[in-house]
PDB file of N, CA and C in Angstrom:
ATOM      1  N   MET A   1      16.890-160.798-106.908  1.00  0.00           N
ATOM      2  CA  MET A   1      17.764-161.539-106.019  1.00  0.00           C
ATOM      3  C   MET A   1      17.136-162.891-105.711  1.00  0.00           C
ATOM      4  N   LEU A   2      17.933-163.940-105.765  1.00  0.00           N
ATOM      5  CA  LEU A   2      17.472-165.293-105.484  1.00  0.00           C
ATOM      6  C   LEU A   2      17.575-165.555-103.992  1.00  0.00           C
ATOM      7  N   THR A   3      16.473-165.940-103.397  1.00  0.00           N
ATOM      8  CA  THR A   3      16.473-166.301-101.988  1.00  0.00           C
ATOM      9  C   THR A   3      16.410-167.813-101.901  1.00  0.00           C
ATOM     10  N   VAL A   4      17.343-168.406-101.196  1.00  0.00           N
ATOM     11  CA  VAL A   4      17.404-169.859-101.059  1.00  0.00           C
ATOM     12  C   VAL A   4      16.992-170.234 -99.648  1.00  0.00           C
ATOM     13  N   HIS A   5      16.023-171.111 -99.538  1.00  0.00           N
ATOM     14  CA  HIS A   5      15.577-171.590 -98.238  1.00  0.00           C
ATOM     15  C   HIS A   5      16.715-172.393 -97.611  1.00  0.00           C
ATOM     16  N   HIS A   6      16.899-172.296 -96.310  1.00  0.00           N
ATOM     17  CA  HIS A   6      18.026-172.968 -95.651  1.00  0.00           C
ATOM     18  C   HIS A   6      17.999-174.476 -95.823  1.00  0.00           C
ATOM     19  N   ASP A   7      16.827-175.084 -96.032  1.00  0.00           N
ATOM     20  CA  ASP A   7      16.748-176.533 -96.243  1.00  0.00           C
ATOM     21  C   ASP A   7      17.271-176.936 -97.619  1.00  0.00           C
ATOM     22  N   MET A   8      17.527-175.972 -98.490  1.00  0.00           N
ATOM     23  CA  MET A   8      18.011-176.279 -99.828  1.00  0.00           C
ATOM     24  C   MET A   8      19.525-176.132 -99.920  1.00  0.00           C
ATOM     25  N   ILE A   9      20.180-176.095 -98.767  1.00  0.00           N
ATOM     26  CA  ILE A   9      21.628-176.039 -98.710  1.00  0.00           C
ATOM     27  C   ILE A   9      22.113-177.338 -98.073  1.00  0.00           C
ATOM     28  N   GLU A  10      23.034-178.022 -98.747  1.00  0.00           N
ATOM     29  CA  GLU A  10      23.577-179.254 -98.194  1.00  0.00           C
ATOM     30  C   GLU A  10      24.527-178.934 -97.046  1.00  0.00           C
ATOM     31  N   GLN A  11      24.910-179.943 -96.294  1.00  0.00           N
ATOM     32  CA  GLN A  11      25.759-179.736 -95.130  1.00  0.00           C
ATOM     33  C   GLN A  11      27.096-179.089 -95.485  1.00  0.00           C
ATOM     34  N   ASP A  12      27.596-179.333 -96.687  1.00  0.00           N
ATOM     35  CA  ASP A  12      28.876-178.743 -97.086  1.00  0.00           C
ATOM     36  C   ASP A  12      28.722-177.322 -97.624  1.00  0.00           C
ATOM     37  N   GLY A  13      27.495-176.771 -97.539  1.00  0.00           N
ATOM     38  CA  GLY A  13      27.257-175.401 -97.978  1.00  0.00           C
ATOM     39  C   GLY A  13      26.870-175.258 -99.431  1.00  0.00           C
ATOM     40  N   GLN A  14      26.845-176.355-100.165  1.00  0.00           N
ATOM     41  CA  GLN A  14      26.479-176.311-101.580  1.00  0.00           C
ATOM     42  C   GLN A  14      24.960-176.228-101.723  1.00  0.00           C
ATOM     43  N   TYR A  15      24.537-175.490-102.747  1.00  0.00           N
ATOM     44  CA  TYR A  15      23.108-175.365-103.049  1.00  0.00           C
ATOM     45  C   TYR A  15      22.575-176.697-103.543  1.00  0.00           C
ATOM     46  N   PHE A  16      21.413-177.101-103.046  1.00  0.00           N
ATOM     47  CA  PHE A  16      20.745-178.321-103.486  1.00  0.00           C
ATOM     48  C   PHE A  16      19.607-177.933-104.418  1.00  0.00           C
ATOM     49  N   PRO A  17      19.746-178.209-105.701  1.00  0.00           N
ATOM     50  CA  PRO A  17      18.665-177.855-106.630  1.00  0.00           C
ATOM     51  C   PRO A  17      17.454-178.767-106.434  1.00  0.00           C
ATOM     52  N   TYR A  18      16.319-178.166-106.204  1.00  0.00           N
ATOM     53  CA  TYR A  18      15.068-178.896-106.001  1.00  0.00           C
ATOM     54  C   TYR A  18      14.313-178.884-107.323  1.00  0.00           C
ATOM     55  N   LEU A  19      14.427-179.971-108.066  1.00  0.00           N
ATOM     56  CA  LEU A  19      13.772-180.072-109.368  1.00  0.00           C
ATOM     57  C   LEU A  19      12.626-181.059-109.241  1.00  0.00           C
ATOM     58  N   ALA A  20      11.426-180.533-109.042  1.00  0.00           N
ATOM     59  CA  ALA A  20      10.271-181.381-108.750  1.00  0.00           C
ATOM     60  C   ALA A  20       9.237-181.352-109.864  1.00  0.00           C
ATOM     61  N   ASP A  21       8.562-182.473-110.004  1.00  0.00           N
ATOM     62  CA  ASP A  21       7.386-182.572-110.852  1.00  0.00           C
ATOM     63  C   ASP A  21       6.196-182.689-109.902  1.00  0.00           C
ATOM     64  N   THR A  22       5.026-182.307-110.359  1.00  0.00           N
ATOM     65  CA  THR A  22       3.832-182.463-109.538  1.00  0.00           C
ATOM     66  C   THR A  22       2.941-183.545-110.125  1.00  0.00           C
ATOM     67  N   ALA A  23       2.507-184.428-109.263  1.00  0.00           N
ATOM     68  CA  ALA A  23       1.592-185.507-109.645  1.00  0.00           C
ATOM     69  C   ALA A  23       0.642-185.680-108.459  1.00  0.00           C
ATOM     70  N   TRP A  24      -0.205-184.697-108.270  1.00  0.00           N
ATOM     71  CA  TRP A  24      -0.995-184.605-107.050  1.00  0.00           C
ATOM     72  C   TRP A  24      -1.783-185.866-106.719  1.00  0.00           C
ATOM     73  N   THR A  25      -2.415-186.509-107.686  1.00  0.00           N
ATOM     74  CA  THR A  25      -3.249-187.676-107.400  1.00  0.00           C
ATOM     75  C   THR A  25      -2.560-188.994-107.770  1.00  0.00           C
ATOM     76  N   LEU A  26      -1.260-188.981-107.842  1.00  0.00           N
ATOM     77  CA  LEU A  26      -0.486-190.178-108.174  1.00  0.00           C
ATOM     78  C   LEU A  26      -0.857-191.355-107.277  1.00  0.00           C
ATOM     79  N   LEU A  27      -0.926-191.127-105.978  1.00  0.00           N
ATOM     80  CA  LEU A  27      -1.184-192.212-105.032  1.00  0.00           C
ATOM     81  C   LEU A  27      -2.604-192.758-105.119  1.00  0.00           C
ATOM     82  N   GLN A  28      -3.539-191.923-105.527  1.00  0.00           N
ATOM     83  CA  GLN A  28      -4.931-192.351-105.582  1.00  0.00           C
ATOM     84  C   GLN A  28      -5.310-192.997-106.919  1.00  0.00           C
ATOM     85  N   ARG A  29      -4.603-192.678-107.981  1.00  0.00           N
ATOM     86  CA  ARG A  29      -5.041-193.101-109.314  1.00  0.00           C
ATOM     87  C   ARG A  29      -4.225-194.219-109.953  1.00  0.00           C
ATOM     88  N   LEU A  30      -2.988-194.421-109.496  1.00  0.00           N
ATOM     89  CA  LEU A  30      -2.127-195.388-110.167  1.00  0.00           C
ATOM     90  C   LEU A  30      -1.873-196.621-109.309  1.00  0.00           C
ATOM     91  N   THR A  31      -1.544-197.712-109.969  1.00  0.00           N
ATOM     92  CA  THR A  31      -1.144-198.926-109.261  1.00  0.00           C
ATOM     93  C   THR A  31       0.303-198.773-108.813  1.00  0.00           C
ATOM     94  N   ARG A  32       0.754-199.657-107.963  1.00  0.00           N
ATOM     95  CA  ARG A  32       2.139-199.621-107.502  1.00  0.00           C
ATOM     96  C   ARG A  32       3.103-199.699-108.687  1.00  0.00           C
ATOM     97  N   GLU A  33       2.827-200.579-109.625  1.00  0.00           N
ATOM     98  CA  GLU A  33       3.689-200.735-110.793  1.00  0.00           C
ATOM     99  C   GLU A  33       3.736-199.456-111.633  1.00  0.00           C
ATOM    100  N   GLU A  34       2.580-198.809-111.799  1.00  0.00           N
ATOM    101  CA  GLU A  34       2.537-197.557-112.555  1.00  0.00           C
ATOM    102  C   GLU A  34       3.290-196.438-111.836  1.00  0.00           C
ATOM    103  N   ILE A  35       3.184-196.414-110.511  1.00  0.00           N
ATOM    104  CA  ILE A  35       3.904-195.406-109.724  1.00  0.00           C
ATOM    105  C   ILE A  35       5.407-195.603-109.875  1.00  0.00           C
ATOM    106  N   LEU A  36       5.869-196.843-109.772  1.00  0.00           N
ATOM    107  CA  LEU A  36       7.299-197.114-109.917  1.00  0.00           C
ATOM    108  C   LEU A  36       7.796-196.738-111.304  1.00  0.00           C
ATOM    109  N   PHE A  37       7.000-197.021-112.322  1.00  0.00           N
ATOM    110  CA  PHE A  37       7.363-196.627-113.692  1.00  0.00           C
ATOM    111  C   PHE A  37       7.486-195.109-113.787  1.00  0.00           C
ATOM    112  N   PHE A  38       6.504-194.401-113.240  1.00  0.00           N
ATOM    113  CA  PHE A  38       6.499-192.940-113.259  1.00  0.00           C
ATOM    114  C   PHE A  38       7.735-192.377-112.561  1.00  0.00           C
ATOM    115  N   LEU A  39       8.035-192.899-111.359  1.00  0.00           N
ATOM    116  CA  LEU A  39       9.185-192.408-110.595  1.00  0.00           C
ATOM    117  C   LEU A  39      10.510-192.711-111.301  1.00  0.00           C
ATOM    118  N   ASP A  40      10.621-193.901-111.882  1.00  0.00           N
ATOM    119  CA  ASP A  40      11.834-194.236-112.642  1.00  0.00           C
ATOM    120  C   ASP A  40      12.010-193.308-113.833  1.00  0.00           C
ATOM    121  N   LYS A  41      10.909-193.008-114.509  1.00  0.00           N
ATOM    122  CA  LYS A  41      10.947-192.098-115.662  1.00  0.00           C
ATOM    123  C   LYS A  41      11.386-190.694-115.236  1.00  0.00           C
ATOM    124  N   ARG A  42      10.814-190.190-114.147  1.00  0.00           N
ATOM    125  CA  ARG A  42      11.186-188.858-113.664  1.00  0.00           C
ATOM    126  C   ARG A  42      12.643-188.825-113.214  1.00  0.00           C
ATOM    127  N   LYS A  43      13.118-189.883-112.584  1.00  0.00           N
ATOM    128  CA  LYS A  43      14.522-189.952-112.181  1.00  0.00           C
ATOM    129  C   LYS A  43      15.435-189.882-113.406  1.00  0.00           C
ATOM    130  N   ALA A  44      15.093-190.626-114.443  1.00  0.00           N
ATOM    131  CA  ALA A  44      15.878-190.615-115.676  1.00  0.00           C
ATOM    132  C   ALA A  44      15.862-189.241-116.341  1.00  0.00           C
ATOM    133  N   GLN A  45      14.789-188.485-116.120  1.00  0.00           N
ATOM    134  CA  GLN A  45      14.674-187.139-116.687  1.00  0.00           C
ATOM    135  C   GLN A  45      15.383-186.081-115.852  1.00  0.00           C
ATOM    136  N   GLY A  46      15.936-186.471-114.703  1.00  0.00           N
ATOM    137  CA  GLY A  46      16.686-185.534-113.884  1.00  0.00           C
ATOM    138  C   GLY A  46      15.947-184.944-112.699  1.00  0.00           C
ATOM    139  N   PHE A  47      14.695-185.338-112.497  1.00  0.00           N
ATOM    140  CA  PHE A  47      13.948-184.834-111.341  1.00  0.00           C
ATOM    141  C   PHE A  47      14.489-185.478-110.074  1.00  0.00           C
ATOM    142  N   ASN A  48      14.507-184.735-108.969  1.00  0.00           N
ATOM    143  CA  ASN A  48      14.937-185.309-107.699  1.00  0.00           C
ATOM    144  C   ASN A  48      13.826-185.239-106.646  1.00  0.00           C
ATOM    145  N   ALA A  49      12.626-184.862-107.059  1.00  0.00           N
ATOM    146  CA  ALA A  49      11.480-184.820-106.154  1.00  0.00           C
ATOM    147  C   ALA A  49      10.190-184.888-106.958  1.00  0.00           C
ATOM    148  N   VAL A  50       9.175-185.456-106.342  1.00  0.00           N
ATOM    149  CA  VAL A  50       7.833-185.468-106.923  1.00  0.00           C
ATOM    150  C   VAL A  50       6.891-185.041-105.807  1.00  0.00           C
ATOM    151  N   GLN A  51       6.089-184.045-106.074  1.00  0.00           N
ATOM    152  CA  GLN A  51       5.127-183.547-105.096  1.00  0.00           C
ATOM    153  C   GLN A  51       3.786-184.240-105.325  1.00  0.00           C
ATOM    154  N   VAL A  52       3.278-184.888-104.281  1.00  0.00           N
ATOM    155  CA  VAL A  52       1.996-185.581-104.365  1.00  0.00           C
ATOM    156  C   VAL A  52       1.119-185.153-103.191  1.00  0.00           C
ATOM    157  N   SER A  53      -0.146-185.469-103.297  1.00  0.00           N
ATOM    158  CA  SER A  53      -1.089-185.196-102.223  1.00  0.00           C
ATOM    159  C   SER A  53      -1.410-186.514-101.530  1.00  0.00           C
ATOM    160  N   ALA A  54      -1.179-186.575-100.225  1.00  0.00           N
ATOM    161  CA  ALA A  54      -1.480-187.787 -99.473  1.00  0.00           C
ATOM    162  C   ALA A  54      -2.991-188.004 -99.369  1.00  0.00           C
ATOM    163  N   ILE A  55      -3.739-186.925 -99.258  1.00  0.00           N
ATOM    164  CA  ILE A  55      -5.203-186.989 -99.232  1.00  0.00           C
ATOM    165  C   ILE A  55      -5.710-186.063-100.315  1.00  0.00           C
ATOM    166  N   SER A  56      -6.423-186.603-101.265  1.00  0.00           N
ATOM    167  CA  SER A  56      -6.881-185.776-102.376  1.00  0.00           C
ATOM    168  C   SER A  56      -8.366-185.488-102.274  1.00  0.00           C
ATOM    169  N   GLU A  57      -8.818-184.670-103.196  1.00  0.00           N
ATOM    170  CA  GLU A  57     -10.239-184.340-103.242  1.00  0.00           C
ATOM    171  C   GLU A  57     -11.070-185.483-103.807  1.00  0.00           C
ATOM    172  N   LEU A  58     -10.418-186.565-104.210  1.00  0.00           N
ATOM    173  CA  LEU A  58     -11.133-187.716-104.775  1.00  0.00           C
ATOM    174  C   LEU A  58     -11.614-188.648-103.678  1.00  0.00           C
ATOM    175  N   ASP A  59     -12.373-188.120-102.738  1.00  0.00           N
ATOM    176  CA  ASP A  59     -12.912-188.878-101.611  1.00  0.00           C
ATOM    177  C   ASP A  59     -11.789-189.433-100.742  1.00  0.00           C
ATOM    178  N   GLY A  60     -10.669-188.724-100.693  1.00  0.00           N
ATOM    179  CA  GLY A  60      -9.481-189.188 -99.999  1.00  0.00           C
ATOM    180  C   GLY A  60      -9.610-189.352 -98.504  1.00  0.00           C
ATOM    181  N   GLN A  61     -10.556-188.669 -97.885  1.00  0.00           N
ATOM    182  CA  GLN A  61     -10.702-188.814 -96.443  1.00  0.00           C
ATOM    183  C   GLN A  61     -11.551-190.017 -96.068  1.00  0.00           C
ATOM    184  N   ARG A  62     -12.300-190.540 -97.022  1.00  0.00           N
ATOM    185  CA  ARG A  62     -13.159-191.695 -96.739  1.00  0.00           C
ATOM    186  C   ARG A  62     -12.709-192.958 -97.452  1.00  0.00           C
ATOM    187  N   THR A  63     -12.008-192.830 -98.572  1.00  0.00           N
ATOM    188  CA  THR A  63     -11.583-193.981 -99.356  1.00  0.00           C
ATOM    189  C   THR A  63     -10.071-194.038 -99.402  1.00  0.00           C
ATOM    190  N   PRO A  64      -9.459-195.094 -98.882  1.00  0.00           N
ATOM    191  CA  PRO A  64      -7.990-195.159 -98.904  1.00  0.00           C
ATOM    192  C   PRO A  64      -7.439-195.254-100.333  1.00  0.00           C
TER     193      PRO A  64
END
């Protein structure tokens, strides 16, 4: 049985498909231009979300 989280239902009652890619260190490793390219590419591929880590293990708490 498929369980759908209530946040994945739109206001009109329709299911909202959450199609995400993961790019955990996107914010720490890429330039703004590279990030925009990546997001545009994922959008063209049909993704509607990208999961990233705001603070990574790459010295993220000390290095912005």
